[in-house]
Structures are given as C-alpha cells and as structure tokens.
Amino acid sequence: MVKVAVRERIEGLAVADDFYDSLDEAVGELLSDAARRAEANGRKTVQARDL
C-alpha cells in the first residue's frame, strides 16, 4: 500500500509505523482469498465479486 494514499484516506489521524505491516498482511490475505475464489469458480480473472 502507498503510505500517502493511506494518510489521505484517514485524514486528520496519525498512523503508527506498525500499521502498514498489518495492513500489508491483511491486503495480502484478501488477495489470496479472492484468487482462490476465482479459481474455485473456474475463472482466471479475479473480479470484484471475489472480494
């Protein structure tokens, strides 16, 4: 994730350094789950509905 984009989305709040590591992990899990769902449905394209 781009730190600038994160800061823009949560405007007005400070962001702890360890937040980004946790965010990267959560996004990675989300992407892996979406990829598994697409494959389980016989698709090679991950779509919004896989989230």
PDB file of N, CA and C in Angstrom:
ATOM      1  N   MET A   1       0.847  -1.173   0.000  1.00  0.00           N
ATOM      2  CA  MET A   1       0.000   0.000   0.000  1.00  0.00           C
ATOM      3  C   MET A   1       0.895   1.238   0.000  1.00  0.00           C
ATOM      4  N   VAL A   2       0.434   2.249  -0.637  1.00  0.00           N
ATOM      5  CA  VAL A   2       1.161   3.506  -0.694  1.00  0.00           C
ATOM      6  C   VAL A   2       0.812   4.318   0.552  1.00  0.00           C
ATOM      7  N   LYS A   3       1.828   4.679   1.301  1.00  0.00           N
ATOM      8  CA  LYS A   3       1.602   5.381   2.564  1.00  0.00           C
ATOM      9  C   LYS A   3       0.853   6.692   2.376  1.00  0.00           C
ATOM     10  N   VAL A   4       1.130   7.390   1.304  1.00  0.00           N
ATOM     11  CA  VAL A   4       0.450   8.664   1.053  1.00  0.00           C
ATOM     12  C   VAL A   4      -1.052   8.430   0.885  1.00  0.00           C
ATOM     13  N   ALA A   5      -1.414   7.387   0.162  1.00  0.00           N
ATOM     14  CA  ALA A   5      -2.833   7.083  -0.050  1.00  0.00           C
ATOM     15  C   ALA A   5      -3.516   6.731   1.266  1.00  0.00           C
ATOM     16  N   VAL A   6      -2.817   6.012   2.125  1.00  0.00           N
ATOM     17  CA  VAL A   6      -3.375   5.666   3.436  1.00  0.00           C
ATOM     18  C   VAL A   6      -3.623   6.931   4.241  1.00  0.00           C
ATOM     19  N   ARG A   7      -2.640   7.796   4.273  1.00  0.00           N
ATOM     20  CA  ARG A   7      -2.782   9.041   5.038  1.00  0.00           C
ATOM     21  C   ARG A   7      -3.925   9.897   4.513  1.00  0.00           C
ATOM     22  N   GLU A   8      -4.100   9.916   3.202  1.00  0.00           N
ATOM     23  CA  GLU A   8      -5.193  10.695   2.614  1.00  0.00           C
ATOM     24  C   GLU A   8      -6.550  10.134   3.010  1.00  0.00           C
ATOM     25  N   ARG A   9      -6.652   8.806   3.081  1.00  0.00           N
ATOM     26  CA  ARG A   9      -7.934   8.176   3.419  1.00  0.00           C
ATOM     27  C   ARG A   9      -8.312   8.374   4.883  1.00  0.00           C
ATOM     28  N   ILE A  10      -7.318   8.460   5.752  1.00  0.00           N
ATOM     29  CA  ILE A  10      -7.612   8.628   7.176  1.00  0.00           C
ATOM     30  C   ILE A  10      -7.127   9.994   7.641  1.00  0.00           C
ATOM     31  N   GLU A  11      -7.463  10.952   6.858  1.00  0.00           N
ATOM     32  CA  GLU A  11      -7.076  12.340   7.079  1.00  0.00           C
ATOM     33  C   GLU A  11      -7.361  12.782   8.519  1.00  0.00           C
ATOM     34  N   GLY A  12      -6.396  13.465   9.096  1.00  0.00           N
ATOM     35  CA  GLY A  12      -6.567  14.023  10.423  1.00  0.00           C
ATOM     36  C   GLY A  12      -6.111  13.112  11.552  1.00  0.00           C
ATOM     37  N   LEU A  13      -5.696  11.884  11.226  1.00  0.00           N
ATOM     38  CA  LEU A  13      -5.229  10.951  12.246  1.00  0.00           C
ATOM     39  C   LEU A  13      -3.775  10.578  11.982  1.00  0.00           C
ATOM     40  N   ALA A  14      -3.054  10.316  13.041  1.00  0.00           N
ATOM     41  CA  ALA A  14      -1.681   9.833  12.909  1.00  0.00           C
ATOM     42  C   ALA A  14      -1.719   8.338  12.581  1.00  0.00           C
ATOM     43  N   VAL A  15      -0.684   7.861  11.912  1.00  0.00           N
ATOM     44  CA  VAL A  15      -0.593   6.450  11.545  1.00  0.00           C
ATOM     45  C   VAL A  15       0.682   5.877  12.158  1.00  0.00           C
ATOM     46  N   ALA A  16       0.528   4.863  13.001  1.00  0.00           N
ATOM     47  CA  ALA A  16       1.678   4.208  13.620  1.00  0.00           C
ATOM     48  C   ALA A  16       2.442   3.422  12.557  1.00  0.00           C
ATOM     49  N   ASP A  17       3.758   3.330  12.718  1.00  0.00           N
ATOM     50  CA  ASP A  17       4.589   2.636  11.732  1.00  0.00           C
ATOM     51  C   ASP A  17       4.188   1.172  11.556  1.00  0.00           C
ATOM     52  N   ASP A  18       3.811   0.488  12.641  1.00  0.00           N
ATOM     53  CA  ASP A  18       3.454  -0.924  12.528  1.00  0.00           C
ATOM     54  C   ASP A  18       2.106  -1.137  11.836  1.00  0.00           C
ATOM     55  N   PHE A  19       1.340  -0.084  11.680  1.00  0.00           N
ATOM     56  CA  PHE A  19       0.052  -0.185  10.991  1.00  0.00           C
ATOM     57  C   PHE A  19       0.239  -0.672   9.559  1.00  0.00           C
ATOM     58  N   TYR A  20       1.265  -0.182   8.888  1.00  0.00           N
ATOM     59  CA  TYR A  20       1.484  -0.524   7.484  1.00  0.00           C
ATOM     60  C   TYR A  20       1.804  -2.006   7.301  1.00  0.00           C
ATOM     61  N   ASP A  21       2.571  -2.586   8.226  1.00  0.00           N
ATOM     62  CA  ASP A  21       2.864  -4.018   8.144  1.00  0.00           C
ATOM     63  C   ASP A  21       1.583  -4.835   8.280  1.00  0.00           C
ATOM     64  N   SER A  22       0.750  -4.456   9.233  1.00  0.00           N
ATOM     65  CA  SER A  22      -0.519  -5.159   9.430  1.00  0.00           C
ATOM     66  C   SER A  22      -1.441  -4.979   8.234  1.00  0.00           C
ATOM     67  N   LEU A  23      -1.443  -3.787   7.675  1.00  0.00           N
ATOM     68  CA  LEU A  23      -2.271  -3.517   6.502  1.00  0.00           C
ATOM     69  C   LEU A  23      -1.811  -4.357   5.315  1.00  0.00           C
ATOM     70  N   ASP A  24      -0.504  -4.440   5.099  1.00  0.00           N
ATOM     71  CA  ASP A  24       0.030  -5.260   4.006  1.00  0.00           C
ATOM     72  C   ASP A  24      -0.380  -6.723   4.175  1.00  0.00           C
ATOM     73  N   GLU A  25      -0.324  -7.213   5.405  1.00  0.00           N
ATOM     74  CA  GLU A  25      -0.703  -8.595   5.676  1.00  0.00           C
ATOM     75  C   GLU A  25      -2.194  -8.815   5.399  1.00  0.00           C
ATOM     76  N   ALA A  26      -3.023  -7.896   5.851  1.00  0.00           N
ATOM     77  CA  ALA A  26      -4.471  -8.015   5.646  1.00  0.00           C
ATOM     78  C   ALA A  26      -4.824  -7.967   4.163  1.00  0.00           C
ATOM     79  N   VAL A  27      -4.187  -7.083   3.428  1.00  0.00           N
ATOM     80  CA  VAL A  27      -4.449  -6.977   1.985  1.00  0.00           C
ATOM     81  C   VAL A  27      -3.964  -8.240   1.274  1.00  0.00           C
ATOM     82  N   GLY A  28      -2.824  -8.759   1.694  1.00  0.00           N
ATOM     83  CA  GLY A  28      -2.314  -9.997   1.106  1.00  0.00           C
ATOM     84  C   GLY A  28      -3.283 -11.154   1.291  1.00  0.00           C
ATOM     85  N   GLU A  29      -3.858 -11.270   2.486  1.00  0.00           N
ATOM     86  CA  GLU A  29      -4.842 -12.316   2.753  1.00  0.00           C
ATOM     87  C   GLU A  29      -6.094 -12.110   1.908  1.00  0.00           C
ATOM     88  N   LEU A  30      -6.523 -10.875   1.786  1.00  0.00           N
ATOM     89  CA  LEU A  30      -7.697 -10.552   0.976  1.00  0.00           C
ATOM     90  C   LEU A  30      -7.477 -10.955  -0.482  1.00  0.00           C
ATOM     91  N   LEU A  31      -6.291 -10.660  -1.003  1.00  0.00           N
ATOM     92  CA  LEU A  31      -5.969 -11.007  -2.389  1.00  0.00           C
ATOM     93  C   LEU A  31      -5.883 -12.520  -2.587  1.00  0.00           C
ATOM     94  N   SER A  32      -5.280 -13.209  -1.634  1.00  0.00           N
ATOM     95  CA  SER A  32      -5.186 -14.670  -1.730  1.00  0.00           C
ATOM     96  C   SER A  32      -6.565 -15.309  -1.715  1.00  0.00           C
ATOM     97  N   ASP A  33      -7.434 -14.830  -0.833  1.00  0.00           N
ATOM     98  CA  ASP A  33      -8.803 -15.349  -0.764  1.00  0.00           C
ATOM     99  C   ASP A  33      -9.548 -15.097  -2.068  1.00  0.00           C
ATOM    100  N   ALA A  34      -9.376 -13.915  -2.630  1.00  0.00           N
ATOM    101  CA  ALA A  34     -10.046 -13.577  -3.888  1.00  0.00           C
ATOM    102  C   ALA A  34      -9.545 -14.474  -5.020  1.00  0.00           C
ATOM    103  N   ALA A  35      -8.251 -14.728  -5.052  1.00  0.00           N
ATOM    104  CA  ALA A  35      -7.681 -15.587  -6.090  1.00  0.00           C
ATOM    105  C   ALA A  35      -8.209 -17.011  -5.957  1.00  0.00           C
ATOM    106  N   ARG A  36      -8.293 -17.514  -4.732  1.00  0.00           N
ATOM    107  CA  ARG A  36      -8.836 -18.859  -4.518  1.00  0.00           C
ATOM    108  C   ARG A  36     -10.293 -18.945  -4.970  1.00  0.00           C
ATOM    109  N   ARG A  37     -11.059 -17.916  -4.678  1.00  0.00           N
ATOM    110  CA  ARG A  37     -12.474 -17.905  -5.074  1.00  0.00           C
ATOM    111  C   ARG A  37     -12.603 -17.918  -6.602  1.00  0.00           C
ATOM    112  N   ALA A  38     -11.786 -17.112  -7.271  1.00  0.00           N
ATOM    113  CA  ALA A  38     -11.833 -17.084  -8.735  1.00  0.00           C
ATOM    114  C   ALA A  38     -11.485 -18.456  -9.304  1.00  0.00           C
ATOM    115  N   GLU A  39     -10.430 -19.063  -8.792  1.00  0.00           N
ATOM    116  CA  GLU A  39     -10.021 -20.385  -9.272  1.00  0.00           C
ATOM    117  C   GLU A  39     -11.094 -21.429  -8.983  1.00  0.00           C
ATOM    118  N   ALA A  40     -11.707 -21.356  -7.812  1.00  0.00           N
ATOM    119  CA  ALA A  40     -12.759 -22.308  -7.445  1.00  0.00           C
ATOM    120  C   ALA A  40     -13.963 -22.193  -8.367  1.00  0.00           C
ATOM    121  N   ASN A  41     -14.147 -21.031  -8.945  1.00  0.00           N
ATOM    122  CA  ASN A  41     -15.253 -20.804  -9.866  1.00  0.00           C
ATOM    123  C   ASN A  41     -14.835 -20.974 -11.329  1.00  0.00           C
ATOM    124  N   GLY A  42     -13.633 -21.537 -11.549  1.00  0.00           N
ATOM    125  CA  GLY A  42     -13.175 -21.843 -12.898  1.00  0.00           C
ATOM    126  C   GLY A  42     -12.756 -20.633 -13.710  1.00  0.00           C
ATOM    127  N   ARG A  43     -12.412 -19.543 -13.032  1.00  0.00           N
ATOM    128  CA  ARG A  43     -12.001 -18.334 -13.738  1.00  0.00           C
ATOM    129  C   ARG A  43     -10.522 -18.077 -13.518  1.00  0.00           C
ATOM    130  N   LYS A  44      -9.900 -17.409 -14.486  1.00  0.00           N
ATOM    131  CA  LYS A  44      -8.514 -16.980 -14.351  1.00  0.00           C
ATOM    132  C   LYS A  44      -8.432 -15.482 -14.126  1.00  0.00           C
ATOM    133  N   THR A  45      -9.585 -14.859 -13.972  1.00  0.00           N
ATOM    134  CA  THR A  45      -9.649 -13.420 -13.741  1.00  0.00           C
ATOM    135  C   THR A  45     -10.287 -13.166 -12.383  1.00  0.00           C
ATOM    136  N   VAL A  46      -9.589 -12.440 -11.536  1.00  0.00           N
ATOM    137  CA  VAL A  46     -10.146 -12.056 -10.239  1.00  0.00           C
ATOM    138  C   VAL A  46     -11.052 -10.852 -10.465  1.00  0.00           C
ATOM    139  N   GLN A  47     -12.263 -10.950  -9.950  1.00  0.00           N
ATOM    140  CA  GLN A  47     -13.245  -9.894 -10.144  1.00  0.00           C
ATOM    141  C   GLN A  47     -13.674  -9.315  -8.801  1.00  0.00           C
ATOM    142  N   ALA A  48     -14.347  -8.185  -8.851  1.00  0.00           N
ATOM    143  CA  ALA A  48     -14.800  -7.517  -7.630  1.00  0.00           C
ATOM    144  C   ALA A  48     -15.630  -8.450  -6.758  1.00  0.00           C
ATOM    145  N   ARG A  49     -16.418  -9.295  -7.362  1.00  0.00           N
ATOM    146  CA  ARG A  49     -17.273 -10.201  -6.583  1.00  0.00           C
ATOM    147  C   ARG A  49     -16.472 -11.224  -5.790  1.00  0.00           C
ATOM    148  N   ASP A  50     -15.186 -11.395  -6.103  1.00  0.00           N
ATOM    149  CA  ASP A  50     -14.336 -12.320  -5.359  1.00  0.00           C
ATOM    150  C   ASP A  50     -13.907 -11.755  -4.010  1.00  0.00           C
ATOM    151  N   LEU A  51     -14.094 -10.470  -3.841  1.00  0.00           N
ATOM    152  CA  LEU A  51     -13.754  -9.852  -2.562  1.00  0.00           C
ATOM    153  C   LEU A  51     -14.846 -10.115  -1.551  1.00  0.00           C
TER     154      LEU A  51
END
